[in-house]
Amino acid sequence: MRIDKDLVAASATPLVLGILAEGESYGYAILEQVNELSHGRMQWTDGMLYPLLHRLERQGHVTSAWRMSDSGRRRKHYLITDSGRAALAERRAQWSVVAEALDQVWRSATLPPTVARGWA
C-alpha cells in the first residue's frame, strides 16, 4: 500500500517528535523506527527526514550533537526539547480530533462494493 504524500507530510512531525520523546536518536535509526512502526508501509528517505529534523531544530523543538558510534562513525544525534514536547502534545491533541472525526465519518459511510469486499 502506498501512503499518500500529504498524509506522510502531515504525520511526519508528530512521528519524529514522538520517537525522540522516547530518547535521543540519529537519522538512520529514526528511519528504521518509522519503518518498523508502520510494518514497512511507510518508507521514508533521507531527503524527507533531514530537512524535517533541521526545521525542528530551527524551531527549537530538537537539539543536536555529534557523537561517535561504537563502530567509530560520527553521527548527529537529536534530542527533543521542552518546546518539542509541548509541540508534540499539541499535535497529539490535534491528531486526536482529526482521527475521531474520520472514525465517525467512516463508521457511517457506505463503502463502494469493491472496497467493501476488499478489492481496493
PDB file of N, CA and C in Angstrom:
ATOM      1  N   MET A   1       0.854  -1.176   0.000  1.00  0.00           N
ATOM      2  CA  MET A   1       0.000   0.000   0.000  1.00  0.00           C
ATOM      3  C   MET A   1       0.898   1.236   0.000  1.00  0.00           C
ATOM      4  N   ARG A   2       0.602   2.173  -0.864  1.00  0.00           N
ATOM      5  CA  ARG A   2       1.309   3.444  -0.933  1.00  0.00           C
ATOM      6  C   ARG A   2       0.571   4.453  -0.070  1.00  0.00           C
ATOM      7  N   ILE A   3       1.290   5.118   0.821  1.00  0.00           N
ATOM      8  CA  ILE A   3       0.696   6.151   1.662  1.00  0.00           C
ATOM      9  C   ILE A   3       0.810   7.480   0.920  1.00  0.00           C
ATOM     10  N   ASP A   4      -0.301   8.176   0.774  1.00  0.00           N
ATOM     11  CA  ASP A   4      -0.338   9.455   0.079  1.00  0.00           C
ATOM     12  C   ASP A   4       0.651  10.440   0.704  1.00  0.00           C
ATOM     13  N   LYS A   5       1.341  11.206  -0.163  1.00  0.00           N
ATOM     14  CA  LYS A   5       2.377  12.115   0.329  1.00  0.00           C
ATOM     15  C   LYS A   5       1.829  13.176   1.276  1.00  0.00           C
ATOM     16  N   ASP A   6       0.583  13.597   1.101  1.00  0.00           N
ATOM     17  CA  ASP A   6       0.005  14.579   2.023  1.00  0.00           C
ATOM     18  C   ASP A   6      -0.160  13.996   3.424  1.00  0.00           C
ATOM     19  N   LEU A   7      -0.541  12.733   3.497  1.00  0.00           N
ATOM     20  CA  LEU A   7      -0.690  12.066   4.783  1.00  0.00           C
ATOM     21  C   LEU A   7       0.673  11.830   5.436  1.00  0.00           C
ATOM     22  N   VAL A   8       1.661  11.472   4.643  1.00  0.00           N
ATOM     23  CA  VAL A   8       3.020  11.312   5.153  1.00  0.00           C
ATOM     24  C   VAL A   8       3.512  12.641   5.716  1.00  0.00           C
ATOM     25  N   ALA A   9       3.311  13.717   4.978  1.00  0.00           N
ATOM     26  CA  ALA A   9       3.762  15.037   5.425  1.00  0.00           C
ATOM     27  C   ALA A   9       3.058  15.450   6.716  1.00  0.00           C
ATOM     28  N   ALA A  10       1.762  15.198   6.809  1.00  0.00           N
ATOM     29  CA  ALA A  10       1.009  15.590   7.999  1.00  0.00           C
ATOM     30  C   ALA A  10       1.439  14.807   9.233  1.00  0.00           C
ATOM     31  N   SER A  11       1.874  13.579   9.029  1.00  0.00           N
ATOM     32  CA  SER A  11       2.236  12.738  10.171  1.00  0.00           C
ATOM     33  C   SER A  11       3.719  12.809  10.536  1.00  0.00           C
ATOM     34  N   ALA A  12       4.537  13.408   9.707  1.00  0.00           N
ATOM     35  CA  ALA A  12       5.984  13.370   9.894  1.00  0.00           C
ATOM     36  C   ALA A  12       6.436  14.032  11.190  1.00  0.00           C
ATOM     37  N   THR A  13       5.986  15.244  11.453  1.00  0.00           N
ATOM     38  CA  THR A  13       6.425  15.946  12.657  1.00  0.00           C
ATOM     39  C   THR A  13       6.015  15.215  13.930  1.00  0.00           C
ATOM     40  N   PRO A  14       4.739  14.828  14.082  1.00  0.00           N
ATOM     41  CA  PRO A  14       4.413  14.118  15.322  1.00  0.00           C
ATOM     42  C   PRO A  14       5.122  12.765  15.445  1.00  0.00           C
ATOM     43  N   LEU A  15       5.374  12.087  14.331  1.00  0.00           N
ATOM     44  CA  LEU A  15       6.107  10.817  14.405  1.00  0.00           C
ATOM     45  C   LEU A  15       7.532  11.034  14.897  1.00  0.00           C
ATOM     46  N   VAL A  16       8.227  11.997  14.317  1.00  0.00           N
ATOM     47  CA  VAL A  16       9.618  12.240  14.709  1.00  0.00           C
ATOM     48  C   VAL A  16       9.682  12.732  16.147  1.00  0.00           C
ATOM     49  N   LEU A  17       8.825  13.664  16.512  1.00  0.00           N
ATOM     50  CA  LEU A  17       8.840  14.147  17.895  1.00  0.00           C
ATOM     51  C   LEU A  17       8.481  13.026  18.866  1.00  0.00           C
ATOM     52  N   GLY A  18       7.543  12.176  18.487  1.00  0.00           N
ATOM     53  CA  GLY A  18       7.171  11.048  19.334  1.00  0.00           C
ATOM     54  C   GLY A  18       8.318  10.065  19.514  1.00  0.00           C
ATOM     55  N   ILE A  19       9.034   9.792  18.443  1.00  0.00           N
ATOM     56  CA  ILE A  19      10.198   8.903  18.526  1.00  0.00           C
ATOM     57  C   ILE A  19      11.261   9.512  19.430  1.00  0.00           C
ATOM     58  N   LEU A  20      11.520  10.814  19.251  1.00  0.00           N
ATOM     59  CA  LEU A  20      12.535  11.477  20.068  1.00  0.00           C
ATOM     60  C   LEU A  20      12.091  11.654  21.521  1.00  0.00           C
ATOM     61  N   ALA A  21      10.791  11.651  21.774  1.00  0.00           N
ATOM     62  CA  ALA A  21      10.300  11.730  23.153  1.00  0.00           C
ATOM     63  C   ALA A  21      10.699  10.476  23.930  1.00  0.00           C
ATOM     64  N   GLU A  22      10.958   9.382  23.210  1.00  0.00           N
ATOM     65  CA  GLU A  22      11.400   8.133  23.843  1.00  0.00           C
ATOM     66  C   GLU A  22      12.889   8.156  24.173  1.00  0.00           C
ATOM     67  N   GLY A  23      13.621   9.088  23.540  1.00  0.00           N
ATOM     68  CA  GLY A  23      15.061   9.188  23.804  1.00  0.00           C
ATOM     69  C   GLY A  23      15.811   9.686  22.587  1.00  0.00           C
ATOM     70  N   GLU A  24      17.045  10.059  22.827  1.00  0.00           N
ATOM     71  CA  GLU A  24      17.925  10.570  21.780  1.00  0.00           C
ATOM     72  C   GLU A  24      18.075   9.545  20.659  1.00  0.00           C
ATOM     73  N   SER A  25      18.172  10.041  19.420  1.00  0.00           N
ATOM     74  CA  SER A  25      18.342   9.140  18.292  1.00  0.00           C
ATOM     75  C   SER A  25      19.044   9.876  17.156  1.00  0.00           C
ATOM     76  N   TYR A  26      19.432   9.132  16.140  1.00  0.00           N
ATOM     77  CA  TYR A  26      20.075   9.696  14.956  1.00  0.00           C
ATOM     78  C   TYR A  26      19.258   9.324  13.725  1.00  0.00           C
ATOM     79  N   GLY A  27      19.549   9.979  12.610  1.00  0.00           N
ATOM     80  CA  GLY A  27      18.724   9.877  11.412  1.00  0.00           C
ATOM     81  C   GLY A  27      18.395   8.476  10.955  1.00  0.00           C
ATOM     82  N   TYR A  28      19.412   7.649  10.740  1.00  0.00           N
ATOM     83  CA  TYR A  28      19.147   6.303  10.224  1.00  0.00           C
ATOM     84  C   TYR A  28      18.272   5.509  11.190  1.00  0.00           C
ATOM     85  N   ALA A  29      18.513   5.651  12.489  1.00  0.00           N
ATOM     86  CA  ALA A  29      17.711   4.931  13.483  1.00  0.00           C
ATOM     87  C   ALA A  29      16.260   5.409  13.460  1.00  0.00           C
ATOM     88  N   ILE A  30      16.045   6.696  13.224  1.00  0.00           N
ATOM     89  CA  ILE A  30      14.683   7.224  13.122  1.00  0.00           C
ATOM     90  C   ILE A  30      13.995   6.626  11.897  1.00  0.00           C
ATOM     91  N   LEU A  31      14.703   6.591  10.765  1.00  0.00           N
ATOM     92  CA  LEU A  31      14.146   5.993   9.545  1.00  0.00           C
ATOM     93  C   LEU A  31      13.756   4.535   9.793  1.00  0.00           C
ATOM     94  N   GLU A  32      14.620   3.797  10.459  1.00  0.00           N
ATOM     95  CA  GLU A  32      14.347   2.392  10.767  1.00  0.00           C
ATOM     96  C   GLU A  32      13.150   2.246  11.702  1.00  0.00           C
ATOM     97  N   GLN A  33      13.034   3.150  12.670  1.00  0.00           N
ATOM     98  CA  GLN A  33      11.921   3.052  13.609  1.00  0.00           C
ATOM     99  C   GLN A  33      10.580   3.351  12.925  1.00  0.00           C
ATOM    100  N   VAL A  34      10.562   4.335  12.027  1.00  0.00           N
ATOM    101  CA  VAL A  34       9.340   4.622  11.266  1.00  0.00           C
ATOM    102  C   VAL A  34       8.957   3.401  10.441  1.00  0.00           C
ATOM    103  N   ASN A  35       9.939   2.801   9.804  1.00  0.00           N
ATOM    104  CA  ASN A  35       9.686   1.603   9.013  1.00  0.00           C
ATOM    105  C   ASN A  35       9.118   0.484   9.888  1.00  0.00           C
ATOM    106  N   GLU A  36       9.710   0.293  11.050  1.00  0.00           N
ATOM    107  CA  GLU A  36       9.254  -0.756  11.968  1.00  0.00           C
ATOM    108  C   GLU A  36       7.853  -0.460  12.511  1.00  0.00           C
ATOM    109  N   LEU A  37       7.621   0.779  12.935  1.00  0.00           N
ATOM    110  CA  LEU A  37       6.319   1.149  13.491  1.00  0.00           C
ATOM    111  C   LEU A  37       5.192   0.984  12.479  1.00  0.00           C
ATOM    112  N   SER A  38       5.505   1.203  11.197  1.00  0.00           N
ATOM    113  CA  SER A  38       4.494   1.106  10.144  1.00  0.00           C
ATOM    114  C   SER A  38       4.476  -0.272   9.482  1.00  0.00           C
ATOM    115  N   HIS A  39       5.245  -1.192  10.028  1.00  0.00           N
ATOM    116  CA  HIS A  39       5.344  -2.538   9.454  1.00  0.00           C
ATOM    117  C   HIS A  39       5.746  -2.482   7.981  1.00  0.00           C
ATOM    118  N   GLY A  40       6.666  -1.554   7.676  1.00  0.00           N
ATOM    119  CA  GLY A  40       7.199  -1.434   6.325  1.00  0.00           C
ATOM    120  C   GLY A  40       6.343  -0.664   5.348  1.00  0.00           C
ATOM    121  N   ARG A  41       5.223  -0.134   5.802  1.00  0.00           N
ATOM    122  CA  ARG A  41       4.314   0.556   4.882  1.00  0.00           C
ATOM    123  C   ARG A  41       4.669   2.024   4.686  1.00  0.00           C
ATOM    124  N   MET A  42       5.497   2.577   5.566  1.00  0.00           N
ATOM    125  CA  MET A  42       5.971   3.954   5.406  1.00  0.00           C
ATOM    126  C   MET A  42       7.487   3.887   5.300  1.00  0.00           C
ATOM    127  N   GLN A  43       7.998   4.121   4.128  1.00  0.00           N
ATOM    128  CA  GLN A  43       9.437   4.063   3.926  1.00  0.00           C
ATOM    129  C   GLN A  43       9.938   5.459   3.604  1.00  0.00           C
ATOM    130  N   TRP A  44      10.404   6.117   4.629  1.00  0.00           N
ATOM    131  CA  TRP A  44      10.926   7.465   4.458  1.00  0.00           C
ATOM    132  C   TRP A  44      12.334   7.402   3.883  1.00  0.00           C
ATOM    133  N   THR A  45      12.731   8.530   3.292  1.00  0.00           N
ATOM    134  CA  THR A  45      14.077   8.659   2.749  1.00  0.00           C
ATOM    135  C   THR A  45      14.837   9.723   3.526  1.00  0.00           C
ATOM    136  N   ASP A  46      16.157   9.732   3.358  1.00  0.00           N
ATOM    137  CA  ASP A  46      16.988  10.778   3.954  1.00  0.00           C
ATOM    138  C   ASP A  46      16.507  12.152   3.515  1.00  0.00           C
ATOM    139  N   GLY A  47      16.147  12.251   2.234  1.00  0.00           N
ATOM    140  CA  GLY A  47      15.726  13.530   1.662  1.00  0.00           C
ATOM    141  C   GLY A  47      14.447  14.071   2.264  1.00  0.00           C
ATOM    142  N   MET A  48      13.698  13.231   2.912  1.00  0.00           N
ATOM    143  CA  MET A  48      12.480  13.684   3.595  1.00  0.00           C
ATOM    144  C   MET A  48      12.755  13.953   5.069  1.00  0.00           C
ATOM    145  N   LEU A  49      13.560  13.094   5.697  1.00  0.00           N
ATOM    146  CA  LEU A  49      13.786  13.202   7.140  1.00  0.00           C
ATOM    147  C   LEU A  49      14.676  14.376   7.528  1.00  0.00           C
ATOM    148  N   TYR A  50      15.821  14.523   6.867  1.00  0.00           N
ATOM    149  CA  TYR A  50      16.782  15.524   7.333  1.00  0.00           C
ATOM    150  C   TYR A  50      16.282  16.961   7.218  1.00  0.00           C
ATOM    151  N   PRO A  51      15.586  17.346   6.165  1.00  0.00           N
ATOM    152  CA  PRO A  51      15.011  18.701   6.169  1.00  0.00           C
ATOM    153  C   PRO A  51      14.027  18.899   7.332  1.00  0.00           C
ATOM    154  N   LEU A  52      13.270  17.864   7.674  1.00  0.00           N
ATOM    155  CA  LEU A  52      12.351  17.959   8.805  1.00  0.00           C
ATOM    156  C   LEU A  52      13.124  18.130  10.108  1.00  0.00           C
ATOM    157  N   LEU A  53      14.169  17.342  10.316  1.00  0.00           N
ATOM    158  CA  LEU A  53      14.975  17.474  11.536  1.00  0.00           C
ATOM    159  C   LEU A  53      15.605  18.862  11.631  1.00  0.00           C
ATOM    160  N   HIS A  54      16.095  19.376  10.502  1.00  0.00           N
ATOM    161  CA  HIS A  54      16.701  20.712  10.504  1.00  0.00           C
ATOM    162  C   HIS A  54      15.662  21.785  10.828  1.00  0.00           C
ATOM    163  N   ARG A  55      14.443  21.629  10.283  1.00  0.00           N
ATOM    164  CA  ARG A  55      13.372  22.585  10.584  1.00  0.00           C
ATOM    165  C   ARG A  55      12.998  22.518  12.063  1.00  0.00           C
ATOM    166  N   LEU A  56      12.873  21.313  12.605  1.00  0.00           N
ATOM    167  CA  LEU A  56      12.544  21.158  14.023  1.00  0.00           C
ATOM    168  C   LEU A  56      13.638  21.766  14.900  1.00  0.00           C
ATOM    169  N   GLU A  57      14.871  21.667  14.447  1.00  0.00           N
ATOM    170  CA  GLU A  57      15.975  22.269  15.197  1.00  0.00           C
ATOM    171  C   GLU A  57      15.898  23.798  15.144  1.00  0.00           C
ATOM    172  N   ARG A  58      15.629  24.348  13.960  1.00  0.00           N
ATOM    173  CA  ARG A  58      15.480  25.806  13.832  1.00  0.00           C
ATOM    174  C   ARG A  58      14.335  26.326  14.710  1.00  0.00           C
ATOM    175  N   GLN A  59      13.268  25.533  14.817  1.00  0.00           N
ATOM    176  CA  GLN A  59      12.111  25.924  15.629  1.00  0.00           C
ATOM    177  C   GLN A  59      12.356  25.738  17.122  1.00  0.00           C
ATOM    178  N   GLY A  60      13.462  25.137  17.477  1.00  0.00           N
ATOM    179  CA  GLY A  60      13.786  24.915  18.882  1.00  0.00           C
ATOM    180  C   GLY A  60      13.126  23.683  19.482  1.00  0.00           C
ATOM    181  N   HIS A  61      12.560  22.824  18.636  1.00  0.00           N
ATOM    182  CA  HIS A  61      11.883  21.618  19.128  1.00  0.00           C
ATOM    183  C   HIS A  61      12.840  20.455  19.364  1.00  0.00           C
ATOM    184  N   VAL A  62      14.006  20.500  18.721  1.00  0.00           N
ATOM    185  CA  VAL A  62      15.040  19.497  18.949  1.00  0.00           C
ATOM    186  C   VAL A  62      16.395  20.185  19.006  1.00  0.00           C
ATOM    187  N   THR A  63      17.328  19.526  19.661  1.00  0.00           N
ATOM    188  CA  THR A  63      18.726  19.949  19.632  1.00  0.00           C
ATOM    189  C   THR A  63      19.519  18.789  19.047  1.00  0.00           C
ATOM    190  N   SER A  64      20.742  19.077  18.635  1.00  0.00           N
ATOM    191  CA  SER A  64      21.563  18.021  18.056  1.00  0.00           C
ATOM    192  C   SER A  64      22.990  18.137  18.548  1.00  0.00           C
ATOM    193  N   ALA A  65      23.677  17.003  18.504  1.00  0.00           N
ATOM    194  CA  ALA A  65      25.092  16.951  18.859  1.00  0.00           C
ATOM    195  C   ALA A  65      25.729  15.786  18.111  1.00  0.00           C
ATOM    196  N   TRP A  66      26.960  15.990  17.701  1.00  0.00           N
ATOM    197  CA  TRP A  66      27.691  14.915  17.031  1.00  0.00           C
ATOM    198  C   TRP A  66      28.236  13.974  18.088  1.00  0.00           C
ATOM    199  N   ARG A  67      28.086  12.668  17.840  1.00  0.00           N
ATOM    200  CA  ARG A  67      28.578  11.642  18.749  1.00  0.00           C
ATOM    201  C   ARG A  67      29.270  10.547  17.915  1.00  0.00           C
ATOM    202  N   MET A  68      30.174   9.844  18.567  1.00  0.00           N
ATOM    203  CA  MET A  68      30.843   8.711  17.922  1.00  0.00           C
ATOM    204  C   MET A  68      30.065   7.444  18.245  1.00  0.00           C
ATOM    205  N   SER A  69      29.832   6.635  17.222  1.00  0.00           N
ATOM    206  CA  SER A  69      29.173   5.349  17.441  1.00  0.00           C
ATOM    207  C   SER A  69      30.200   4.339  17.928  1.00  0.00           C
ATOM    208  N   ASP A  70      29.725   3.180  18.332  1.00  0.00           N
ATOM    209  CA  ASP A  70      30.631   2.111  18.769  1.00  0.00           C
ATOM    210  C   ASP A  70      31.572   1.685  17.648  1.00  0.00           C
ATOM    211  N   SER A  71      31.112   1.858  16.408  1.00  0.00           N
ATOM    212  CA  SER A  71      31.939   1.478  15.259  1.00  0.00           C
ATOM    213  C   SER A  71      32.916   2.583  14.856  1.00  0.00           C
ATOM    214  N   GLY A  72      32.867   3.721  15.540  1.00  0.00           N
ATOM    215  CA  GLY A  72      33.777   4.819  15.243  1.00  0.00           C
ATOM    216  C   GLY A  72      33.249   5.841  14.257  1.00  0.00           C
ATOM    217  N   ARG A  73      32.012   5.672  13.817  1.00  0.00           N
ATOM    218  CA  ARG A  73      31.403   6.640  12.892  1.00  0.00           C
ATOM    219  C   ARG A  73      30.829   7.809  13.667  1.00  0.00           C
ATOM    220  N   ARG A  74      30.971   8.999  13.088  1.00  0.00           N
ATOM    221  CA  ARG A  74      30.318  10.173  13.676  1.00  0.00           C
ATOM    222  C   ARG A  74      28.871  10.185  13.232  1.00  0.00           C
ATOM    223  N   ARG A  75      27.969  10.421  14.184  1.00  0.00           N
ATOM    224  CA  ARG A  75      26.548  10.516  13.876  1.00  0.00           C
ATOM    225  C   ARG A  75      25.982  11.722  14.603  1.00  0.00           C
ATOM    226  N   LYS A  76      25.091  12.406  13.918  1.00  0.00           N
ATOM    227  CA  LYS A  76      24.420  13.531  14.542  1.00  0.00           C
ATOM    228  C   LYS A  76      23.195  12.991  15.274  1.00  0.00           C
ATOM    229  N   HIS A  77      23.186  13.155  16.574  1.00  0.00           N
ATOM    230  CA  HIS A  77      22.088  12.685  17.414  1.00  0.00           C
ATOM    231  C   HIS A  77      21.155  13.850  17.724  1.00  0.00           C
ATOM    232  N   TYR A  78      19.866  13.543  17.766  1.00  0.00           N
ATOM    233  CA  TYR A  78      18.830  14.540  18.005  1.00  0.00           C
ATOM    234  C   TYR A  78      18.121  14.229  19.316  1.00  0.00           C
ATOM    235  N   LEU A  79      17.768  15.283  20.034  1.00  0.00           N
ATOM    236  CA  LEU A  79      17.102  15.158  21.319  1.00  0.00           C
ATOM    237  C   LEU A  79      15.954  16.159  21.365  1.00  0.00           C
ATOM    238  N   ILE A  80      14.797  15.727  21.823  1.00  0.00           N
ATOM    239  CA  ILE A  80      13.641  16.621  21.920  1.00  0.00           C
ATOM    240  C   ILE A  80      13.853  17.613  23.066  1.00  0.00           C
ATOM    241  N   THR A  81      13.369  18.833  22.881  1.00  0.00           N
ATOM    242  CA  THR A  81      13.460  19.868  23.913  1.00  0.00           C
ATOM    243  C   THR A  81      12.097  20.002  24.607  1.00  0.00           C
ATOM    244  N   ASP A  82      12.043  20.842  25.624  1.00  0.00           N
ATOM    245  CA  ASP A  82      10.759  21.118  26.281  1.00  0.00           C
ATOM    246  C   ASP A  82       9.766  21.713  25.284  1.00  0.00           C
ATOM    247  N   SER A  83      10.260  22.584  24.418  1.00  0.00           N
ATOM    248  CA  SER A  83       9.414  23.163  23.371  1.00  0.00           C
ATOM    249  C   SER A  83       8.892  22.077  22.442  1.00  0.00           C
ATOM    250  N   GLY A  84       9.736  21.110  22.122  1.00  0.00           N
ATOM    251  CA  GLY A  84       9.329  19.995  21.275  1.00  0.00           C
ATOM    252  C   GLY A  84       8.292  19.119  21.947  1.00  0.00           C
ATOM    253  N   ARG A  85       8.424  18.926  23.255  1.00  0.00           N
ATOM    254  CA  ARG A  85       7.422  18.144  23.993  1.00  0.00           C
ATOM    255  C   ARG A  85       6.069  18.857  23.992  1.00  0.00           C
ATOM    256  N   ALA A  86       6.101  20.178  24.122  1.00  0.00           N
ATOM    257  CA  ALA A  86       4.854  20.955  24.068  1.00  0.00           C
ATOM    258  C   ALA A  86       4.243  20.870  22.664  1.00  0.00           C
ATOM    259  N   ALA A  87       5.084  20.970  21.637  1.00  0.00           N
ATOM    260  CA  ALA A  87       4.591  20.857  20.259  1.00  0.00           C
ATOM    261  C   ALA A  87       4.012  19.468  20.006  1.00  0.00           C
ATOM    262  N   LEU A  88       4.649  18.444  20.548  1.00  0.00           N
ATOM    263  CA  LEU A  88       4.146  17.078  20.402  1.00  0.00           C
ATOM    264  C   LEU A  88       2.785  16.935  21.075  1.00  0.00           C
ATOM    265  N   ALA A  89       2.625  17.487  22.259  1.00  0.00           N
ATOM    266  CA  ALA A  89       1.337  17.420  22.960  1.00  0.00           C
ATOM    267  C   ALA A  89       0.247  18.113  22.156  1.00  0.00           C
ATOM    268  N   GLU A  90       0.574  19.262  21.569  1.00  0.00           N
ATOM    269  CA  GLU A  90      -0.390  19.993  20.747  1.00  0.00           C
ATOM    270  C   GLU A  90      -0.752  19.192  19.496  1.00  0.00           C
ATOM    271  N   ARG A  91       0.250  18.633  18.815  1.00  0.00           N
ATOM    272  CA  ARG A  91      -0.014  17.819  17.615  1.00  0.00           C
ATOM    273  C   ARG A  91      -0.847  16.588  17.961  1.00  0.00           C
ATOM    274  N   ARG A  92      -0.557  16.001  19.108  1.00  0.00           N
ATOM    275  CA  ARG A  92      -1.312  14.820  19.522  1.00  0.00           C
ATOM    276  C   ARG A  92      -2.784  15.168  19.733  1.00  0.00           C
ATOM    277  N   ALA A  93      -3.042  16.305  20.368  1.00  0.00           N
ATOM    278  CA  ALA A  93      -4.423  16.750  20.586  1.00  0.00           C
ATOM    279  C   ALA A  93      -5.109  17.014  19.246  1.00  0.00           C
ATOM    280  N   GLN A  94      -4.409  17.667  18.331  1.00  0.00           N
ATOM    281  CA  GLN A  94      -4.970  17.950  17.018  1.00  0.00           C
ATOM    282  C   GLN A  94      -5.248  16.658  16.261  1.00  0.00           C
ATOM    283  N   TRP A  95      -4.298  15.727  16.300  1.00  0.00           N
ATOM    284  CA  TRP A  95      -4.454  14.460  15.580  1.00  0.00           C
ATOM    285  C   TRP A  95      -5.646  13.682  16.135  1.00  0.00           C
ATOM    286  N   SER A  96      -5.851  13.732  17.438  1.00  0.00           N
ATOM    287  CA  SER A  96      -6.980  13.024  18.053  1.00  0.00           C
ATOM    288  C   SER A  96      -8.314  13.545  17.532  1.00  0.00           C
ATOM    289  N   VAL A  97      -8.417  14.854  17.363  1.00  0.00           N
ATOM    290  CA  VAL A  97      -9.646  15.447  16.834  1.00  0.00           C
ATOM    291  C   VAL A  97      -9.887  14.965  15.406  1.00  0.00           C
ATOM    292  N   VAL A  98      -8.840  14.999  14.588  1.00  0.00           N
ATOM    293  CA  VAL A  98      -8.962  14.567  13.194  1.00  0.00           C
ATOM    294  C   VAL A  98      -9.314  13.080  13.131  1.00  0.00           C
ATOM    295  N   ALA A  99      -8.618  12.256  13.909  1.00  0.00           N
ATOM    296  CA  ALA A  99      -8.874  10.813  13.902  1.00  0.00           C
ATOM    297  C   ALA A  99     -10.296  10.494  14.354  1.00  0.00           C
ATOM    298  N   GLU A 100     -10.778  11.202  15.350  1.00  0.00           N
ATOM    299  CA  GLU A 100     -12.147  10.980  15.827  1.00  0.00           C
ATOM    300  C   GLU A 100     -13.170  11.348  14.754  1.00  0.00           C
ATOM    301  N   ALA A 101     -12.945  12.468  14.087  1.00  0.00           N
ATOM    302  CA  ALA A 101     -13.862  12.890  13.028  1.00  0.00           C
ATOM    303  C   ALA A 101     -13.854  11.880  11.877  1.00  0.00           C
ATOM    304  N   LEU A 102     -12.679  11.432  11.484  1.00  0.00           N
ATOM    305  CA  LEU A 102     -12.583  10.442  10.414  1.00  0.00           C
ATOM    306  C   LEU A 102     -13.259   9.134  10.820  1.00  0.00           C
ATOM    307  N   ASP A 103     -13.054   8.713  12.047  1.00  0.00           N
ATOM    308  CA  ASP A 103     -13.680   7.489  12.524  1.00  0.00           C
ATOM    309  C   ASP A 103     -15.201   7.578  12.448  1.00  0.00           C
ATOM    310  N   GLN A 104     -15.734   8.716  12.839  1.00  0.00           N
ATOM    311  CA  GLN A 104     -17.189   8.898  12.783  1.00  0.00           C
ATOM    312  C   GLN A 104     -17.695   8.863  11.343  1.00  0.00           C
ATOM    313  N   VAL A 105     -16.982   9.513  10.451  1.00  0.00           N
ATOM    314  CA  VAL A 105     -17.383   9.530   9.041  1.00  0.00           C
ATOM    315  C   VAL A 105     -17.309   8.125   8.460  1.00  0.00           C
ATOM    316  N   TRP A 106     -16.211   7.430   8.720  1.00  0.00           N
ATOM    317  CA  TRP A 106     -16.025   6.109   8.139  1.00  0.00           C
ATOM    318  C   TRP A 106     -16.989   5.070   8.705  1.00  0.00           C
ATOM    319  N   ARG A 107     -17.378   5.211   9.968  1.00  0.00           N
ATOM    320  CA  ARG A 107     -18.339   4.266  10.543  1.00  0.00           C
ATOM    321  C   ARG A 107     -19.709   4.411   9.910  1.00  0.00           C
ATOM    322  N   SER A 108     -20.046   5.619   9.494  1.00  0.00           N
ATOM    323  CA  SER A 108     -21.374   5.837   8.929  1.00  0.00           C
ATOM    324  C   SER A 108     -21.379   5.843   7.402  1.00  0.00           C
ATOM    325  N   ALA A 109     -20.215   5.841   6.781  1.00  0.00           N
ATOM    326  CA  ALA A 109     -20.134   5.913   5.315  1.00  0.00           C
ATOM    327  C   ALA A 109     -20.493   4.574   4.691  1.00  0.00           C
ATOM    328  N   THR A 110     -21.106   4.654   3.543  1.00  0.00           N
ATOM    329  CA  THR A 110     -21.373   3.470   2.738  1.00  0.00           C
ATOM    330  C   THR A 110     -20.213   3.310   1.775  1.00  0.00           C
ATOM    331  N   LEU A 111     -19.532   2.180   1.871  1.00  0.00           N
ATOM    332  CA  LEU A 111     -18.377   1.942   1.014  1.00  0.00           C
ATOM    333  C   LEU A 111     -18.820   1.398  -0.333  1.00  0.00           C
ATOM    334  N   PRO A 112     -18.090   1.755  -1.398  1.00  0.00           N
ATOM    335  CA  PRO A 112     -18.387   1.162  -2.706  1.00  0.00           C
ATOM    336  C   PRO A 112     -18.231  -0.358  -2.611  1.00  0.00           C
ATOM    337  N   PRO A 113     -18.968  -1.120  -3.412  1.00  0.00           N
ATOM    338  CA  PRO A 113     -18.916  -2.587  -3.330  1.00  0.00           C
ATOM    339  C   PRO A 113     -17.511  -3.166  -3.429  1.00  0.00           C
ATOM    340  N   THR A 114     -16.642  -2.596  -4.273  1.00  0.00           N
ATOM    341  CA  THR A 114     -15.289  -3.149  -4.428  1.00  0.00           C
ATOM    342  C   THR A 114     -14.490  -2.975  -3.151  1.00  0.00           C
ATOM    343  N   VAL A 115     -14.645  -1.855  -2.439  1.00  0.00           N
ATOM    344  CA  VAL A 115     -13.924  -1.624  -1.198  1.00  0.00           C
ATOM    345  C   VAL A 115     -14.490  -2.509  -0.098  1.00  0.00           C
ATOM    346  N   ALA A 116     -15.805  -2.609  -0.033  1.00  0.00           N
ATOM    347  CA  ALA A 116     -16.449  -3.413   0.995  1.00  0.00           C
ATOM    348  C   ALA A 116     -16.031  -4.874   0.893  1.00  0.00           C
ATOM    349  N   ARG A 117     -15.754  -5.349  -0.306  1.00  0.00           N
ATOM    350  CA  ARG A 117     -15.346  -6.744  -0.489  1.00  0.00           C
ATOM    351  C   ARG A 117     -13.840  -6.926  -0.425  1.00  0.00           C
ATOM    352  N   GLY A 118     -13.097  -5.828  -0.184  1.00  0.00           N
ATOM    353  CA  GLY A 118     -11.650  -5.935  -0.097  1.00  0.00           C
ATOM    354  C   GLY A 118     -10.940  -5.941  -1.426  1.00  0.00           C
ATOM    355  N   TRP A 119     -11.571  -5.432  -2.491  1.00  0.00           N
ATOM    356  CA  TRP A 119     -10.955  -5.423  -3.815  1.00  0.00           C
ATOM    357  C   TRP A 119     -10.149  -4.162  -4.100  1.00  0.00           C
ATOM    358  N   ALA A 120     -10.139  -3.223  -3.187  1.00  0.00           N
ATOM    359  CA  ALA A 120      -9.450  -1.960  -3.462  1.00  0.00           C
ATOM    360  C   ALA A 120      -7.957  -2.105  -3.292  1.00  0.00           C
TER     361      ALA A 120
END
